[in-house]
Amino acid sequence: MNYLKTFKNVSITALSCASVVLVAKNMEQGKATVEIVRPIDISARESLNFGRVILMDSDQGGRVTVNADGTFEHDRTGLVFDLSKGNPRAGTFNLTGDGDTGFNVHLPRTVIQLRQVVVSGTAATLNATIHQLRVGTTTLPVAPGTAFTTGGAAAAAGAAARPAAFKLSGSPTVLSVGAQLMITGKSATGTYAGEYDVTIVHD
């Protein structure tokens, strides 16, 4: 008889403990993650070069185009390329970083001002406009304007980040820049030079 009584007490105590555990089930475990990437390094490789252009007709100018894939052309018979000094070529940059990292390209200015190289006196200027960006086999047009960033307009506050237009695909990955240069029939002869900025933005 005492044995049975003792067994019942143990059973009651066990049920009581189980009841307390169920009531206390108001805790959950959260998770934490982090992704660490190295910054994408950019270094100049080749200068954007419109070549040596002969202005055949002072009454005509024209547009010289150097595409991001390396092809080039002009749109007027008054202009002739002198290829004895080399072909026109796109501007190129080497990009290095963690493989398969997505990124966008930001151009603070799409217009490049080329200034005539002179020893003294007033230097003439020409304006070129960046019109293409290329990584691998992907070529994107550059919209005209003061500044341009691939991937579309800036995301609204709280929205997802802009999609990456490009991805690193090698070491290094090559970014190519194409542009168009306007030459008028009255453009001064001589050598012109200018600079432009390119910023890499992580996805």
N, C-alpha and C. Protein backbone atom coordinates (compact mmCIF):
# COMPACT_ATOMS: atom_id res chain seq x y z
N MET A 1 0.84 -1.21 0.00
CA MET A 1 0.00 0.00 0.00
C MET A 1 0.86 1.25 0.00
N ASN A 2 1.87 1.27 0.82
CA ASN A 2 2.75 2.44 0.83
C ASN A 2 3.45 2.62 -0.51
N TYR A 3 3.79 1.54 -1.14
CA TYR A 3 4.48 1.60 -2.44
C TYR A 3 3.62 2.29 -3.48
N LEU A 4 2.35 1.94 -3.54
CA LEU A 4 1.45 2.54 -4.51
C LEU A 4 1.27 4.03 -4.23
N LYS A 5 1.20 4.40 -3.03
CA LYS A 5 1.02 5.81 -2.68
C LYS A 5 2.22 6.63 -3.11
N THR A 6 3.36 6.07 -2.86
CA THR A 6 4.58 6.77 -3.25
C THR A 6 4.64 6.94 -4.77
N PHE A 7 4.26 5.96 -5.53
CA PHE A 7 4.28 6.00 -7.00
C PHE A 7 3.36 7.11 -7.51
N LYS A 8 2.21 7.25 -6.90
CA LYS A 8 1.28 8.30 -7.32
C LYS A 8 1.87 9.69 -7.08
N ASN A 9 2.54 9.86 -5.99
CA ASN A 9 3.14 11.16 -5.71
C ASN A 9 4.20 11.54 -6.73
N VAL A 10 4.97 10.56 -7.13
CA VAL A 10 6.00 10.81 -8.14
C VAL A 10 5.35 11.19 -9.47
N SER A 11 4.28 10.52 -9.82
CA SER A 11 3.60 10.82 -11.07
C SER A 11 3.03 12.23 -11.06
N ILE A 12 2.46 12.64 -9.99
CA ILE A 12 1.88 13.97 -9.90
C ILE A 12 2.97 15.04 -10.01
N THR A 13 4.07 14.79 -9.38
CA THR A 13 5.17 15.76 -9.44
C THR A 13 5.69 15.90 -10.87
N ALA A 14 5.79 14.82 -11.59
CA ALA A 14 6.27 14.86 -12.97
C ALA A 14 5.32 15.65 -13.86
N LEU A 15 4.04 15.48 -13.70
CA LEU A 15 3.07 16.22 -14.49
C LEU A 15 3.16 17.72 -14.18
N SER A 16 3.38 18.02 -12.95
CA SER A 16 3.49 19.42 -12.56
C SER A 16 4.69 20.09 -13.22
N CYS A 17 5.80 19.39 -13.31
CA CYS A 17 7.00 19.94 -13.97
C CYS A 17 6.76 20.16 -15.45
N ALA A 18 6.10 19.25 -16.10
CA ALA A 18 5.82 19.38 -17.53
C ALA A 18 4.95 20.60 -17.78
N SER A 19 4.05 20.88 -16.94
CA SER A 19 3.17 22.02 -17.09
C SER A 19 3.96 23.33 -17.01
N VAL A 20 4.93 23.43 -16.17
CA VAL A 20 5.74 24.64 -16.03
C VAL A 20 6.55 24.90 -17.29
N VAL A 21 7.12 23.89 -17.92
CA VAL A 21 7.93 24.04 -19.13
C VAL A 21 7.08 24.59 -20.27
N LEU A 22 5.88 24.14 -20.44
CA LEU A 22 5.00 24.61 -21.50
C LEU A 22 4.64 26.09 -21.32
N VAL A 23 4.42 26.50 -20.16
CA VAL A 23 4.07 27.88 -19.89
C VAL A 23 5.25 28.81 -20.19
N ALA A 24 6.47 28.33 -19.97
CA ALA A 24 7.67 29.15 -20.17
C ALA A 24 8.14 29.20 -21.61
N LYS A 25 7.46 28.57 -22.58
CA LYS A 25 7.87 28.54 -23.98
C LYS A 25 7.53 29.85 -24.67
N ASN A 26 8.18 30.94 -24.28
CA ASN A 26 7.98 32.25 -24.90
C ASN A 26 9.32 32.84 -25.32
N MET A 27 10.31 31.99 -25.62
CA MET A 27 11.65 32.42 -26.03
C MET A 27 11.97 31.82 -27.39
N GLU A 28 12.60 32.61 -28.25
CA GLU A 28 13.03 32.13 -29.57
C GLU A 28 14.48 32.54 -29.78
N GLN A 29 15.14 31.83 -30.65
CA GLN A 29 16.55 32.09 -30.91
C GLN A 29 16.71 32.82 -32.23
N GLY A 30 17.35 33.98 -32.22
CA GLY A 30 17.61 34.72 -33.44
C GLY A 30 18.93 34.29 -34.07
N LYS A 31 19.14 34.69 -35.33
CA LYS A 31 20.35 34.35 -36.05
C LYS A 31 21.08 35.63 -36.44
N ALA A 32 22.37 35.56 -36.56
CA ALA A 32 23.19 36.70 -36.96
C ALA A 32 24.12 36.27 -38.09
N THR A 33 24.27 37.11 -39.11
CA THR A 33 25.15 36.79 -40.24
C THR A 33 25.99 38.01 -40.59
N VAL A 34 27.05 37.79 -41.31
CA VAL A 34 27.88 38.87 -41.82
C VAL A 34 28.55 38.39 -43.11
N GLU A 35 28.70 39.29 -44.04
CA GLU A 35 29.45 39.01 -45.26
C GLU A 35 30.58 40.03 -45.37
N ILE A 36 31.79 39.55 -45.50
CA ILE A 36 32.96 40.42 -45.58
C ILE A 36 33.53 40.34 -46.99
N VAL A 37 33.68 41.48 -47.63
CA VAL A 37 34.27 41.51 -48.98
C VAL A 37 35.38 42.54 -49.00
N ARG A 38 36.30 42.33 -49.89
CA ARG A 38 37.37 43.29 -50.07
C ARG A 38 36.91 44.37 -51.05
N PRO A 39 37.41 45.59 -50.90
CA PRO A 39 37.05 46.62 -51.88
C PRO A 39 37.59 46.27 -53.25
N ILE A 40 36.85 46.64 -54.28
CA ILE A 40 37.32 46.42 -55.65
C ILE A 40 38.36 47.48 -55.98
N ASP A 41 39.54 47.04 -56.35
CA ASP A 41 40.61 47.97 -56.69
C ASP A 41 40.54 48.29 -58.17
N ILE A 42 40.73 49.56 -58.52
CA ILE A 42 40.71 49.98 -59.92
C ILE A 42 42.01 50.68 -60.25
N SER A 43 42.59 50.34 -61.38
CA SER A 43 43.82 51.00 -61.84
C SER A 43 43.73 51.20 -63.35
N ALA A 44 44.26 52.35 -63.81
CA ALA A 44 44.22 52.67 -65.24
C ALA A 44 45.09 51.70 -66.02
N ARG A 45 44.60 51.31 -67.19
CA ARG A 45 45.32 50.37 -68.04
C ARG A 45 45.76 51.05 -69.34
N GLU A 46 44.81 51.52 -70.14
CA GLU A 46 45.12 52.23 -71.38
C GLU A 46 44.29 53.51 -71.45
N SER A 47 44.90 54.56 -71.98
CA SER A 47 44.20 55.84 -72.12
C SER A 47 43.19 55.78 -73.26
N LEU A 48 42.09 56.49 -73.09
CA LEU A 48 41.13 56.68 -74.17
C LEU A 48 41.81 57.53 -75.24
N ASN A 49 41.87 57.01 -76.44
CA ASN A 49 42.64 57.67 -77.51
C ASN A 49 41.78 57.78 -78.76
N PHE A 50 41.54 59.01 -79.20
CA PHE A 50 40.75 59.22 -80.42
C PHE A 50 41.62 59.17 -81.68
N GLY A 51 42.89 58.91 -81.49
CA GLY A 51 43.77 58.75 -82.63
C GLY A 51 44.27 60.06 -83.21
N ARG A 52 44.86 59.94 -84.39
CA ARG A 52 45.34 61.12 -85.14
C ARG A 52 44.35 61.35 -86.28
N VAL A 53 43.69 62.49 -86.27
CA VAL A 53 42.62 62.77 -87.22
C VAL A 53 43.06 63.92 -88.13
N ILE A 54 42.95 63.71 -89.42
CA ILE A 54 43.27 64.74 -90.40
C ILE A 54 41.99 65.47 -90.77
N LEU A 55 41.98 66.78 -90.57
CA LEU A 55 40.82 67.61 -90.91
C LEU A 55 40.98 68.05 -92.36
N MET A 56 40.29 67.36 -93.26
CA MET A 56 40.48 67.57 -94.69
C MET A 56 39.79 68.83 -95.20
N ASP A 57 38.71 69.22 -94.56
CA ASP A 57 37.89 70.33 -95.07
C ASP A 57 37.58 71.27 -93.91
N SER A 58 38.02 72.52 -94.03
CA SER A 58 37.80 73.49 -92.95
C SER A 58 36.34 73.89 -92.83
N ASP A 59 35.54 73.52 -93.80
CA ASP A 59 34.10 73.82 -93.73
C ASP A 59 33.32 72.69 -93.09
N GLN A 60 33.99 71.57 -92.86
CA GLN A 60 33.30 70.42 -92.28
C GLN A 60 34.03 69.93 -91.04
N GLY A 61 33.26 69.51 -90.11
CA GLY A 61 33.82 68.82 -88.96
C GLY A 61 33.23 67.43 -88.93
N GLY A 62 33.04 66.91 -87.77
CA GLY A 62 32.43 65.60 -87.67
C GLY A 62 32.57 65.03 -86.28
N ARG A 63 32.03 63.85 -86.12
CA ARG A 63 32.07 63.16 -84.84
C ARG A 63 32.94 61.92 -84.96
N VAL A 64 33.91 61.81 -84.06
CA VAL A 64 34.76 60.63 -83.98
C VAL A 64 34.25 59.76 -82.85
N THR A 65 33.99 58.49 -83.13
CA THR A 65 33.45 57.58 -82.13
C THR A 65 34.45 56.45 -81.87
N VAL A 66 34.78 56.27 -80.61
CA VAL A 66 35.57 55.11 -80.19
C VAL A 66 34.68 54.30 -79.26
N ASN A 67 34.25 53.12 -79.72
CA ASN A 67 33.34 52.30 -78.93
C ASN A 67 34.09 51.52 -77.85
N ALA A 68 33.32 51.09 -76.84
CA ALA A 68 33.93 50.38 -75.72
C ALA A 68 34.51 49.03 -76.12
N ASP A 69 34.04 48.47 -77.25
CA ASP A 69 34.59 47.18 -77.72
C ASP A 69 35.85 47.37 -78.56
N GLY A 70 36.30 48.62 -78.74
CA GLY A 70 37.54 48.87 -79.46
C GLY A 70 37.35 49.29 -80.91
N THR A 71 36.15 49.18 -81.44
CA THR A 71 35.91 49.63 -82.82
C THR A 71 35.83 51.16 -82.84
N PHE A 72 36.06 51.74 -84.01
CA PHE A 72 36.05 53.20 -84.13
C PHE A 72 35.56 53.61 -85.50
N GLU A 73 35.07 54.84 -85.60
CA GLU A 73 34.53 55.35 -86.86
C GLU A 73 34.40 56.87 -86.78
N HIS A 74 34.19 57.51 -87.93
CA HIS A 74 33.81 58.92 -87.98
C HIS A 74 32.66 59.05 -88.96
N ASP A 75 31.91 60.14 -88.86
CA ASP A 75 30.68 60.26 -89.63
C ASP A 75 30.75 61.29 -90.75
N ARG A 76 31.93 61.81 -91.08
CA ARG A 76 32.02 62.83 -92.13
C ARG A 76 33.20 62.54 -93.05
N THR A 77 33.02 62.88 -94.34
CA THR A 77 34.11 62.70 -95.30
C THR A 77 35.22 63.72 -95.08
N GLY A 78 34.94 64.77 -94.31
CA GLY A 78 35.96 65.78 -94.05
C GLY A 78 36.99 65.35 -93.02
N LEU A 79 36.80 64.17 -92.43
CA LEU A 79 37.74 63.65 -91.44
C LEU A 79 38.35 62.35 -91.96
N VAL A 80 39.63 62.17 -91.71
CA VAL A 80 40.34 60.95 -92.10
C VAL A 80 41.23 60.52 -90.95
N PHE A 81 41.22 59.24 -90.62
CA PHE A 81 42.11 58.72 -89.60
C PHE A 81 43.50 58.48 -90.20
N ASP A 82 44.52 58.96 -89.54
CA ASP A 82 45.89 58.64 -89.90
C ASP A 82 46.34 57.50 -88.98
N LEU A 83 46.28 56.28 -89.48
CA LEU A 83 46.55 55.10 -88.65
C LEU A 83 48.04 54.79 -88.55
N SER A 84 48.89 55.61 -89.17
CA SER A 84 50.32 55.38 -89.08
C SER A 84 50.83 55.57 -87.65
N LYS A 85 50.09 56.28 -86.84
CA LYS A 85 50.47 56.52 -85.44
C LYS A 85 49.73 55.58 -84.49
N GLY A 86 49.02 54.60 -85.04
CA GLY A 86 48.27 53.67 -84.21
C GLY A 86 46.77 53.91 -84.30
N ASN A 87 46.01 52.89 -83.94
CA ASN A 87 44.56 52.97 -84.01
C ASN A 87 43.98 53.70 -82.79
N PRO A 88 42.85 54.35 -82.97
CA PRO A 88 42.12 54.84 -81.79
C PRO A 88 41.78 53.65 -80.89
N ARG A 89 41.64 53.90 -79.59
CA ARG A 89 41.33 52.80 -78.68
C ARG A 89 40.51 53.29 -77.49
N ALA A 90 39.72 52.37 -76.95
CA ALA A 90 38.90 52.68 -75.79
C ALA A 90 39.77 52.84 -74.55
N GLY A 91 39.28 53.58 -73.59
CA GLY A 91 39.96 53.65 -72.30
C GLY A 91 39.68 52.38 -71.52
N THR A 92 40.68 51.84 -70.85
CA THR A 92 40.49 50.59 -70.10
C THR A 92 41.06 50.70 -68.69
N PHE A 93 40.44 49.95 -67.79
CA PHE A 93 40.85 49.90 -66.39
C PHE A 93 40.88 48.46 -65.93
N ASN A 94 41.83 48.12 -65.07
CA ASN A 94 41.89 46.80 -64.44
C ASN A 94 41.14 46.84 -63.11
N LEU A 95 40.27 45.87 -62.89
CA LEU A 95 39.52 45.75 -61.64
C LEU A 95 39.89 44.45 -60.96
N THR A 96 40.22 44.50 -59.69
CA THR A 96 40.55 43.28 -58.94
C THR A 96 39.79 43.29 -57.61
N GLY A 97 39.39 42.09 -57.19
CA GLY A 97 38.64 41.94 -55.95
C GLY A 97 38.19 40.50 -55.81
N ASP A 98 37.30 40.25 -54.86
CA ASP A 98 36.77 38.90 -54.67
C ASP A 98 35.96 38.48 -55.88
N GLY A 99 36.17 37.24 -56.32
CA GLY A 99 35.50 36.75 -57.52
C GLY A 99 33.99 36.79 -57.42
N ASP A 100 33.35 37.11 -58.54
CA ASP A 100 31.90 37.11 -58.67
C ASP A 100 31.24 38.25 -57.88
N THR A 101 32.01 39.24 -57.46
CA THR A 101 31.44 40.39 -56.75
C THR A 101 30.71 41.29 -57.73
N GLY A 102 29.48 41.66 -57.41
CA GLY A 102 28.72 42.55 -58.27
C GLY A 102 29.09 44.00 -58.00
N PHE A 103 28.99 44.82 -59.04
CA PHE A 103 29.33 46.23 -58.86
C PHE A 103 28.65 47.09 -59.92
N ASN A 104 28.59 48.37 -59.65
CA ASN A 104 28.15 49.37 -60.61
C ASN A 104 29.27 50.36 -60.86
N VAL A 105 29.14 51.11 -61.94
CA VAL A 105 30.13 52.10 -62.31
C VAL A 105 29.49 53.49 -62.22
N HIS A 106 30.16 54.39 -61.54
CA HIS A 106 29.66 55.76 -61.41
C HIS A 106 30.62 56.71 -62.12
N LEU A 107 30.03 57.57 -62.96
CA LEU A 107 30.79 58.62 -63.65
C LEU A 107 30.32 59.96 -63.11
N PRO A 108 31.17 60.66 -62.34
CA PRO A 108 30.76 61.98 -61.82
C PRO A 108 30.44 62.97 -62.93
N ARG A 109 31.14 62.80 -64.08
CA ARG A 109 30.88 63.61 -65.26
C ARG A 109 30.94 62.71 -66.48
N THR A 110 30.02 62.90 -67.41
CA THR A 110 30.07 62.12 -68.65
C THR A 110 30.77 62.89 -69.76
N VAL A 111 31.02 64.16 -69.54
CA VAL A 111 31.71 64.99 -70.54
C VAL A 111 33.19 65.10 -70.16
N ILE A 112 34.05 64.86 -71.13
CA ILE A 112 35.49 65.00 -70.95
C ILE A 112 35.94 66.24 -71.71
N GLN A 113 36.55 67.17 -71.03
CA GLN A 113 37.09 68.35 -71.71
C GLN A 113 38.56 68.09 -72.05
N LEU A 114 38.87 68.14 -73.33
CA LEU A 114 40.24 67.97 -73.79
C LEU A 114 40.81 69.36 -74.11
N ARG A 115 41.93 69.68 -73.50
CA ARG A 115 42.55 70.98 -73.66
C ARG A 115 43.79 70.86 -74.54
N GLN A 116 43.92 71.81 -75.45
CA GLN A 116 45.06 71.84 -76.35
C GLN A 116 46.36 72.03 -75.56
N VAL A 117 47.36 71.22 -75.89
CA VAL A 117 48.66 71.33 -75.23
C VAL A 117 49.45 72.45 -75.91
N VAL A 118 49.70 73.53 -75.17
CA VAL A 118 50.41 74.68 -75.73
C VAL A 118 51.52 75.10 -74.78
N VAL A 119 52.56 75.70 -75.35
CA VAL A 119 53.66 76.21 -74.54
C VAL A 119 53.27 77.55 -73.93
N SER A 120 52.59 78.38 -74.70
CA SER A 120 52.14 79.69 -74.22
C SER A 120 50.88 80.08 -74.98
N GLY A 121 50.20 81.06 -74.48
CA GLY A 121 48.98 81.51 -75.14
C GLY A 121 47.74 80.78 -74.64
N THR A 122 46.63 81.05 -75.29
CA THR A 122 45.35 80.46 -74.90
C THR A 122 45.16 79.09 -75.54
N ALA A 123 44.79 78.12 -74.73
CA ALA A 123 44.59 76.76 -75.23
C ALA A 123 43.15 76.58 -75.69
N ALA A 124 42.99 75.97 -76.86
CA ALA A 124 41.65 75.62 -77.35
C ALA A 124 41.15 74.38 -76.62
N THR A 125 39.85 74.14 -76.68
CA THR A 125 39.28 72.97 -76.01
C THR A 125 38.35 72.22 -76.95
N LEU A 126 38.22 70.93 -76.72
CA LEU A 126 37.26 70.06 -77.40
C LEU A 126 36.51 69.27 -76.33
N ASN A 127 35.27 68.92 -76.61
CA ASN A 127 34.48 68.14 -75.66
C ASN A 127 34.16 66.77 -76.23
N ALA A 128 34.45 65.75 -75.41
CA ALA A 128 34.07 64.38 -75.73
C ALA A 128 33.03 63.93 -74.72
N THR A 129 32.18 63.00 -75.12
CA THR A 129 31.13 62.49 -74.23
C THR A 129 31.24 60.97 -74.13
N ILE A 130 31.32 60.47 -72.90
CA ILE A 130 31.35 59.02 -72.69
C ILE A 130 29.98 58.45 -73.07
N HIS A 131 29.96 57.44 -73.94
CA HIS A 131 28.67 56.91 -74.40
C HIS A 131 28.50 55.41 -74.15
N GLN A 132 29.57 54.72 -73.74
CA GLN A 132 29.46 53.27 -73.50
C GLN A 132 30.40 52.83 -72.38
N LEU A 133 29.95 51.77 -71.65
CA LEU A 133 30.78 51.06 -70.68
C LEU A 133 30.69 49.58 -71.00
N ARG A 134 31.80 48.86 -70.84
CA ARG A 134 31.80 47.44 -71.20
C ARG A 134 32.64 46.64 -70.21
N VAL A 135 32.09 45.50 -69.76
CA VAL A 135 32.82 44.52 -68.96
C VAL A 135 32.53 43.16 -69.55
N GLY A 136 33.59 42.44 -69.95
CA GLY A 136 33.39 41.14 -70.61
C GLY A 136 32.64 41.33 -71.92
N THR A 137 31.51 40.66 -72.05
CA THR A 137 30.70 40.79 -73.27
C THR A 137 29.49 41.70 -73.05
N THR A 138 29.41 42.33 -71.89
CA THR A 138 28.26 43.18 -71.57
C THR A 138 28.62 44.64 -71.83
N THR A 139 27.91 45.26 -72.77
CA THR A 139 28.10 46.68 -73.09
C THR A 139 26.83 47.44 -72.74
N LEU A 140 26.97 48.51 -71.98
CA LEU A 140 25.82 49.31 -71.58
C LEU A 140 25.97 50.73 -72.11
N PRO A 141 24.87 51.31 -72.60
CA PRO A 141 24.94 52.72 -73.03
C PRO A 141 24.98 53.64 -71.83
N VAL A 142 25.62 54.77 -71.98
CA VAL A 142 25.67 55.78 -70.93
C VAL A 142 24.71 56.90 -71.31
N ALA A 143 23.76 57.16 -70.42
CA ALA A 143 22.78 58.22 -70.68
C ALA A 143 23.46 59.58 -70.58
N PRO A 144 23.14 60.49 -71.49
CA PRO A 144 23.74 61.83 -71.42
C PRO A 144 23.29 62.56 -70.17
N GLY A 145 24.16 63.41 -69.67
CA GLY A 145 23.82 64.16 -68.47
C GLY A 145 25.08 64.51 -67.70
N THR A 146 24.90 65.17 -66.57
CA THR A 146 26.05 65.58 -65.76
C THR A 146 26.76 64.39 -65.15
N ALA A 147 25.99 63.45 -64.58
CA ALA A 147 26.56 62.27 -63.95
C ALA A 147 25.77 61.05 -64.37
N PHE A 148 26.37 59.88 -64.20
CA PHE A 148 25.70 58.64 -64.61
C PHE A 148 26.17 57.50 -63.72
N THR A 149 25.22 56.62 -63.34
CA THR A 149 25.54 55.41 -62.59
C THR A 149 24.78 54.25 -63.20
N THR A 150 25.48 53.14 -63.47
CA THR A 150 24.80 51.96 -64.00
C THR A 150 23.88 51.39 -62.92
N GLY A 151 22.91 50.58 -63.35
CA GLY A 151 22.01 49.95 -62.40
C GLY A 151 20.73 50.70 -62.18
N GLY A 152 20.52 51.82 -62.87
CA GLY A 152 19.26 52.55 -62.74
C GLY A 152 19.35 53.66 -61.73
N ALA A 153 18.20 54.29 -61.49
CA ALA A 153 18.13 55.41 -60.56
C ALA A 153 18.41 54.94 -59.14
N ALA A 154 18.86 55.86 -58.31
CA ALA A 154 19.16 55.53 -56.92
C ALA A 154 17.91 55.00 -56.23
N ALA A 155 18.08 53.97 -55.41
CA ALA A 155 16.95 53.36 -54.71
C ALA A 155 16.39 54.32 -53.67
N ALA A 156 15.09 54.25 -53.49
CA ALA A 156 14.46 55.10 -52.48
C ALA A 156 14.86 54.63 -51.09
N ALA A 157 14.71 55.50 -50.10
CA ALA A 157 15.08 55.15 -48.73
C ALA A 157 14.30 53.93 -48.27
N GLY A 158 15.01 52.96 -47.74
CA GLY A 158 14.36 51.75 -47.25
C GLY A 158 14.13 50.69 -48.32
N ALA A 159 14.39 51.03 -49.58
CA ALA A 159 14.18 50.06 -50.65
C ALA A 159 15.46 49.26 -50.88
N ALA A 160 15.34 48.24 -51.71
CA ALA A 160 16.51 47.42 -52.01
C ALA A 160 17.54 48.23 -52.79
N ALA A 161 18.79 47.84 -52.67
CA ALA A 161 19.85 48.54 -53.39
C ALA A 161 19.68 48.34 -54.89
N ARG A 162 20.27 49.26 -55.67
CA ARG A 162 20.18 49.16 -57.12
C ARG A 162 20.85 47.87 -57.57
N PRO A 163 20.34 47.21 -58.62
CA PRO A 163 20.95 45.95 -59.07
C PRO A 163 22.33 46.19 -59.65
N ALA A 164 23.19 45.20 -59.47
CA ALA A 164 24.54 45.30 -60.02
C ALA A 164 24.51 45.14 -61.53
N ALA A 165 25.18 46.03 -62.23
CA ALA A 165 25.21 45.96 -63.69
C ALA A 165 26.27 44.98 -64.18
N PHE A 166 27.35 44.84 -63.40
CA PHE A 166 28.47 44.00 -63.80
C PHE A 166 28.90 43.09 -62.65
N LYS A 167 29.73 42.08 -62.99
CA LYS A 167 30.36 41.23 -61.98
C LYS A 167 31.81 41.02 -62.34
N LEU A 168 32.64 40.90 -61.30
CA LEU A 168 34.03 40.56 -61.55
C LEU A 168 34.08 39.16 -62.16
N SER A 169 34.84 39.01 -63.23
CA SER A 169 34.85 37.73 -63.95
C SER A 169 36.25 37.21 -64.20
N GLY A 170 37.24 37.81 -63.59
CA GLY A 170 38.61 37.37 -63.79
C GLY A 170 39.55 38.22 -62.97
N SER A 171 40.81 37.90 -63.04
CA SER A 171 41.80 38.68 -62.29
C SER A 171 42.93 39.09 -63.22
N PRO A 172 42.91 40.32 -63.75
CA PRO A 172 41.89 41.33 -63.44
C PRO A 172 40.69 41.23 -64.38
N THR A 173 39.60 41.88 -63.99
CA THR A 173 38.47 42.12 -64.89
C THR A 173 38.70 43.48 -65.55
N VAL A 174 38.45 43.56 -66.85
CA VAL A 174 38.73 44.80 -67.58
C VAL A 174 37.44 45.58 -67.82
N LEU A 175 37.45 46.83 -67.42
CA LEU A 175 36.37 47.78 -67.70
C LEU A 175 36.81 48.67 -68.85
N SER A 176 35.98 48.75 -69.90
CA SER A 176 36.31 49.58 -71.06
C SER A 176 35.34 50.75 -71.17
N VAL A 177 35.87 51.89 -71.59
CA VAL A 177 35.09 53.11 -71.70
C VAL A 177 35.14 53.62 -73.14
N GLY A 178 33.97 53.83 -73.75
CA GLY A 178 33.90 54.38 -75.10
C GLY A 178 33.36 55.80 -75.06
N ALA A 179 33.76 56.60 -76.06
CA ALA A 179 33.33 58.00 -76.06
C ALA A 179 33.25 58.54 -77.48
N GLN A 180 32.59 59.68 -77.61
CA GLN A 180 32.45 60.36 -78.90
C GLN A 180 33.01 61.77 -78.78
N LEU A 181 33.75 62.19 -79.81
CA LEU A 181 34.41 63.49 -79.82
C LEU A 181 33.93 64.30 -81.01
N MET A 182 33.50 65.53 -80.75
CA MET A 182 33.08 66.42 -81.82
C MET A 182 34.25 67.31 -82.24
N ILE A 183 34.51 67.33 -83.55
CA ILE A 183 35.55 68.18 -84.12
C ILE A 183 34.87 69.09 -85.14
N THR A 184 35.06 70.38 -84.99
CA THR A 184 34.46 71.32 -85.94
C THR A 184 35.48 71.66 -87.02
N GLY A 185 34.99 72.25 -88.11
CA GLY A 185 35.89 72.65 -89.19
C GLY A 185 36.87 73.73 -88.77
N LYS A 186 36.57 74.42 -87.66
CA LYS A 186 37.43 75.50 -87.18
C LYS A 186 38.29 75.06 -85.99
N SER A 187 38.28 73.80 -85.66
CA SER A 187 39.07 73.33 -84.52
C SER A 187 40.55 73.57 -84.77
N ALA A 188 41.22 74.08 -83.77
CA ALA A 188 42.65 74.36 -83.89
C ALA A 188 43.44 73.05 -83.97
N THR A 189 44.48 73.05 -84.78
CA THR A 189 45.34 71.86 -84.86
C THR A 189 46.18 71.75 -83.60
N GLY A 190 46.66 70.55 -83.35
CA GLY A 190 47.50 70.33 -82.17
C GLY A 190 47.07 69.09 -81.42
N THR A 191 47.75 68.82 -80.34
CA THR A 191 47.45 67.69 -79.46
C THR A 191 46.59 68.15 -78.30
N TYR A 192 45.57 67.38 -77.98
CA TYR A 192 44.66 67.72 -76.89
C TYR A 192 44.71 66.59 -75.85
N ALA A 193 44.52 66.96 -74.60
CA ALA A 193 44.53 65.96 -73.52
C ALA A 193 43.54 66.36 -72.44
N GLY A 194 42.98 65.37 -71.77
CA GLY A 194 42.04 65.62 -70.69
C GLY A 194 41.96 64.42 -69.77
N GLU A 195 41.15 64.53 -68.74
CA GLU A 195 41.00 63.47 -67.75
C GLU A 195 39.52 63.25 -67.44
N TYR A 196 39.20 62.05 -66.95
CA TYR A 196 37.85 61.74 -66.50
C TYR A 196 37.95 60.78 -65.32
N ASP A 197 36.92 60.81 -64.47
CA ASP A 197 36.91 60.00 -63.25
C ASP A 197 35.95 58.82 -63.39
N VAL A 198 36.36 57.68 -62.85
CA VAL A 198 35.53 56.48 -62.82
C VAL A 198 35.54 55.93 -61.39
N THR A 199 34.36 55.71 -60.82
CA THR A 199 34.24 55.18 -59.46
C THR A 199 33.53 53.84 -59.50
N ILE A 200 34.06 52.86 -58.76
CA ILE A 200 33.43 51.55 -58.67
C ILE A 200 32.59 51.49 -57.39
N VAL A 201 31.33 51.09 -57.54
CA VAL A 201 30.39 51.04 -56.41
C VAL A 201 30.01 49.58 -56.17
N HIS A 202 30.28 49.06 -54.95
CA HIS A 202 29.92 47.68 -54.62
C HIS A 202 28.42 47.47 -54.69
N ASP A 203 28.02 46.28 -55.12
CA ASP A 203 26.61 45.90 -55.13
C ASP A 203 26.10 45.86 -53.69
